[in-house]
Amino acid sequence: MKKYIKIEDLCCANCAAKIEKAVSKLDGVSKCTVNFMAEKMLLEYDESKNFDELFANIKEIANRIEPECSVSL
């Protein structure tokens, strides 16, 4: 399953890369690509996983790496 997630107010491409790397390691995620300039993430994940739980983990990771960013659908 593919989903696009908005990640706004990232301070730099380095933060985007850190978020991408951390989210890629989550259970059930097959691919994660963060586009810093477009302020969005392409997430490919196993559809048997609970997306709400996965999304909560993504928000936690993003806010830990870049507290000023906002994550939304």
N, C-alpha and C. Protein backbone atom coordinates (compact mmCIF):
# COMPACT_ATOMS: atom_id res chain seq x y z
N MET A 1 0.86 -1.17 0.00
CA MET A 1 0.00 0.00 0.00
C MET A 1 0.90 1.23 0.00
N LYS A 2 0.50 2.26 -0.73
CA LYS A 2 1.24 3.52 -0.79
C LYS A 2 0.40 4.64 -0.20
N LYS A 3 1.07 5.53 0.51
CA LYS A 3 0.41 6.73 1.05
C LYS A 3 1.39 7.89 0.96
N TYR A 4 0.84 9.08 0.72
CA TYR A 4 1.63 10.30 0.79
C TYR A 4 1.31 10.99 2.11
N ILE A 5 2.34 11.43 2.79
CA ILE A 5 2.20 12.10 4.07
C ILE A 5 2.91 13.45 3.98
N LYS A 6 2.24 14.51 4.42
CA LYS A 6 2.84 15.85 4.42
C LYS A 6 3.76 15.99 5.63
N ILE A 7 4.95 16.52 5.37
CA ILE A 7 5.88 16.86 6.45
C ILE A 7 6.31 18.30 6.19
N GLU A 8 5.71 19.22 6.93
CA GLU A 8 5.96 20.64 6.70
C GLU A 8 6.91 21.21 7.75
N ASP A 9 7.61 22.27 7.35
CA ASP A 9 8.50 23.03 8.22
C ASP A 9 9.74 22.27 8.66
N LEU A 10 10.27 21.41 7.78
CA LEU A 10 11.56 20.79 8.07
C LEU A 10 12.64 21.85 7.89
N CYS A 11 13.64 21.83 8.75
CA CYS A 11 14.66 22.89 8.67
C CYS A 11 15.70 22.62 7.60
N CYS A 12 15.95 21.33 7.27
CA CYS A 12 17.00 21.05 6.29
C CYS A 12 16.84 19.66 5.69
N ALA A 13 17.57 19.42 4.63
CA ALA A 13 17.53 18.13 3.96
C ALA A 13 18.12 17.03 4.85
N ASN A 14 19.04 17.39 5.72
CA ASN A 14 19.64 16.42 6.63
C ASN A 14 18.57 15.83 7.57
N CYS A 15 17.69 16.69 8.09
CA CYS A 15 16.61 16.21 8.95
C CYS A 15 15.68 15.29 8.16
N ALA A 16 15.40 15.64 6.92
CA ALA A 16 14.55 14.81 6.07
C ALA A 16 15.18 13.44 5.88
N ALA A 17 16.49 13.40 5.68
CA ALA A 17 17.20 12.12 5.50
C ALA A 17 17.16 11.29 6.78
N LYS A 18 17.30 11.94 7.93
CA LYS A 18 17.24 11.22 9.20
C LYS A 18 15.85 10.61 9.43
N ILE A 19 14.81 11.37 9.11
CA ILE A 19 13.44 10.87 9.25
C ILE A 19 13.22 9.69 8.30
N GLU A 20 13.67 9.85 7.07
CA GLU A 20 13.53 8.78 6.07
C GLU A 20 14.19 7.49 6.56
N LYS A 21 15.40 7.60 7.07
CA LYS A 21 16.14 6.44 7.55
C LYS A 21 15.43 5.77 8.73
N ALA A 22 14.96 6.56 9.69
CA ALA A 22 14.30 6.02 10.87
C ALA A 22 12.97 5.36 10.52
N VAL A 23 12.18 6.00 9.67
CA VAL A 23 10.87 5.44 9.29
C VAL A 23 11.06 4.17 8.48
N SER A 24 12.09 4.10 7.66
CA SER A 24 12.36 2.91 6.85
C SER A 24 12.59 1.67 7.71
N LYS A 25 13.03 1.88 8.94
CA LYS A 25 13.32 0.76 9.85
C LYS A 25 12.08 0.26 10.60
N LEU A 26 10.96 0.97 10.49
CA LEU A 26 9.75 0.54 11.18
C LEU A 26 9.23 -0.78 10.61
N ASP A 27 8.69 -1.61 11.48
CA ASP A 27 8.13 -2.88 11.07
C ASP A 27 6.95 -2.65 10.11
N GLY A 28 7.01 -3.31 8.97
CA GLY A 28 5.94 -3.20 7.99
C GLY A 28 6.19 -2.19 6.90
N VAL A 29 7.21 -1.34 7.05
CA VAL A 29 7.54 -0.34 6.04
C VAL A 29 8.49 -0.96 5.02
N SER A 30 8.11 -0.95 3.76
CA SER A 30 8.97 -1.51 2.72
C SER A 30 9.80 -0.43 2.04
N LYS A 31 9.27 0.81 2.04
CA LYS A 31 10.00 1.91 1.41
C LYS A 31 9.51 3.24 1.98
N CYS A 32 10.44 4.14 2.20
CA CYS A 32 10.10 5.48 2.66
C CYS A 32 11.01 6.46 1.94
N THR A 33 10.42 7.45 1.30
CA THR A 33 11.18 8.49 0.61
C THR A 33 10.64 9.84 1.04
N VAL A 34 11.51 10.68 1.59
CA VAL A 34 11.11 12.03 2.02
C VAL A 34 11.66 13.03 1.01
N ASN A 35 10.77 13.83 0.44
CA ASN A 35 11.17 14.89 -0.48
C ASN A 35 11.14 16.21 0.29
N PHE A 36 12.33 16.71 0.62
CA PHE A 36 12.46 17.92 1.43
C PHE A 36 11.80 19.13 0.76
N MET A 37 12.04 19.31 -0.52
CA MET A 37 11.51 20.49 -1.23
C MET A 37 9.99 20.43 -1.38
N ALA A 38 9.44 19.26 -1.62
CA ALA A 38 7.99 19.12 -1.79
C ALA A 38 7.28 18.98 -0.45
N GLU A 39 8.03 18.80 0.62
CA GLU A 39 7.49 18.62 1.97
C GLU A 39 6.51 17.46 2.05
N LYS A 40 6.94 16.32 1.46
CA LYS A 40 6.08 15.14 1.55
C LYS A 40 6.91 13.87 1.61
N MET A 41 6.27 12.85 2.15
CA MET A 41 6.87 11.53 2.27
C MET A 41 6.02 10.54 1.48
N LEU A 42 6.69 9.69 0.71
CA LEU A 42 6.02 8.57 0.07
C LEU A 42 6.31 7.36 0.92
N LEU A 43 5.27 6.74 1.42
CA LEU A 43 5.40 5.60 2.30
C LEU A 43 4.79 4.37 1.63
N GLU A 44 5.56 3.30 1.54
CA GLU A 44 5.06 2.02 1.07
C GLU A 44 5.13 1.07 2.25
N TYR A 45 3.99 0.44 2.56
CA TYR A 45 3.94 -0.40 3.75
C TYR A 45 3.04 -1.61 3.52
N ASP A 46 3.20 -2.58 4.39
CA ASP A 46 2.40 -3.80 4.36
C ASP A 46 0.98 -3.46 4.81
N GLU A 47 0.01 -3.70 3.96
CA GLU A 47 -1.36 -3.30 4.29
C GLU A 47 -1.98 -4.11 5.42
N SER A 48 -1.31 -5.17 5.87
CA SER A 48 -1.82 -5.91 7.03
C SER A 48 -1.50 -5.16 8.34
N LYS A 49 -0.63 -4.16 8.26
CA LYS A 49 -0.28 -3.36 9.44
C LYS A 49 -1.34 -2.29 9.68
N ASN A 50 -1.52 -1.93 10.93
CA ASN A 50 -2.46 -0.89 11.31
C ASN A 50 -1.86 0.48 10.94
N PHE A 51 -2.48 1.17 9.97
CA PHE A 51 -1.91 2.44 9.51
C PHE A 51 -1.93 3.51 10.60
N ASP A 52 -2.96 3.55 11.42
CA ASP A 52 -3.02 4.57 12.48
C ASP A 52 -1.85 4.44 13.45
N GLU A 53 -1.49 3.21 13.78
CA GLU A 53 -0.35 2.97 14.66
C GLU A 53 0.95 3.36 13.97
N LEU A 54 1.07 3.00 12.70
CA LEU A 54 2.25 3.35 11.91
C LEU A 54 2.38 4.87 11.79
N PHE A 55 1.27 5.55 11.53
CA PHE A 55 1.27 7.01 11.40
C PHE A 55 1.68 7.67 12.71
N ALA A 56 1.21 7.15 13.84
CA ALA A 56 1.60 7.68 15.15
C ALA A 56 3.10 7.54 15.37
N ASN A 57 3.67 6.41 14.94
CA ASN A 57 5.11 6.21 15.06
C ASN A 57 5.88 7.18 14.17
N ILE A 58 5.37 7.42 12.97
CA ILE A 58 6.02 8.36 12.05
C ILE A 58 6.01 9.77 12.64
N LYS A 59 4.88 10.18 13.20
CA LYS A 59 4.79 11.50 13.84
C LYS A 59 5.78 11.63 14.99
N GLU A 60 5.89 10.59 15.79
CA GLU A 60 6.81 10.61 16.94
C GLU A 60 8.26 10.73 16.46
N ILE A 61 8.61 9.97 15.43
CA ILE A 61 9.97 10.04 14.88
C ILE A 61 10.26 11.43 14.33
N ALA A 62 9.35 11.95 13.52
CA ALA A 62 9.55 13.27 12.92
C ALA A 62 9.67 14.36 13.98
N ASN A 63 8.84 14.32 14.99
CA ASN A 63 8.88 15.34 16.04
C ASN A 63 10.10 15.21 16.94
N ARG A 64 10.64 14.00 17.07
CA ARG A 64 11.86 13.80 17.85
C ARG A 64 13.06 14.38 17.09
N ILE A 65 13.10 14.16 15.78
CA ILE A 65 14.22 14.63 14.96
C ILE A 65 14.10 16.12 14.68
N GLU A 66 12.89 16.59 14.37
CA GLU A 66 12.66 18.00 14.04
C GLU A 66 11.40 18.46 14.76
N PRO A 67 11.54 18.95 16.00
CA PRO A 67 10.37 19.32 16.81
C PRO A 67 9.44 20.37 16.19
N GLU A 68 9.95 21.18 15.29
CA GLU A 68 9.15 22.25 14.70
C GLU A 68 8.30 21.79 13.50
N CYS A 69 8.51 20.56 13.03
CA CYS A 69 7.79 20.12 11.84
C CYS A 69 6.38 19.64 12.20
N SER A 70 5.53 19.60 11.18
CA SER A 70 4.18 19.08 11.38
C SER A 70 3.95 17.96 10.37
N VAL A 71 3.30 16.90 10.83
CA VAL A 71 3.05 15.73 10.01
C VAL A 71 1.55 15.54 9.89
N SER A 72 1.06 15.41 8.66
CA SER A 72 -0.37 15.25 8.44
C SER A 72 -0.61 14.44 7.17
N LEU A 73 -1.85 14.03 7.00
CA LEU A 73 -2.23 13.28 5.79
C LEU A 73 -2.67 14.20 4.70
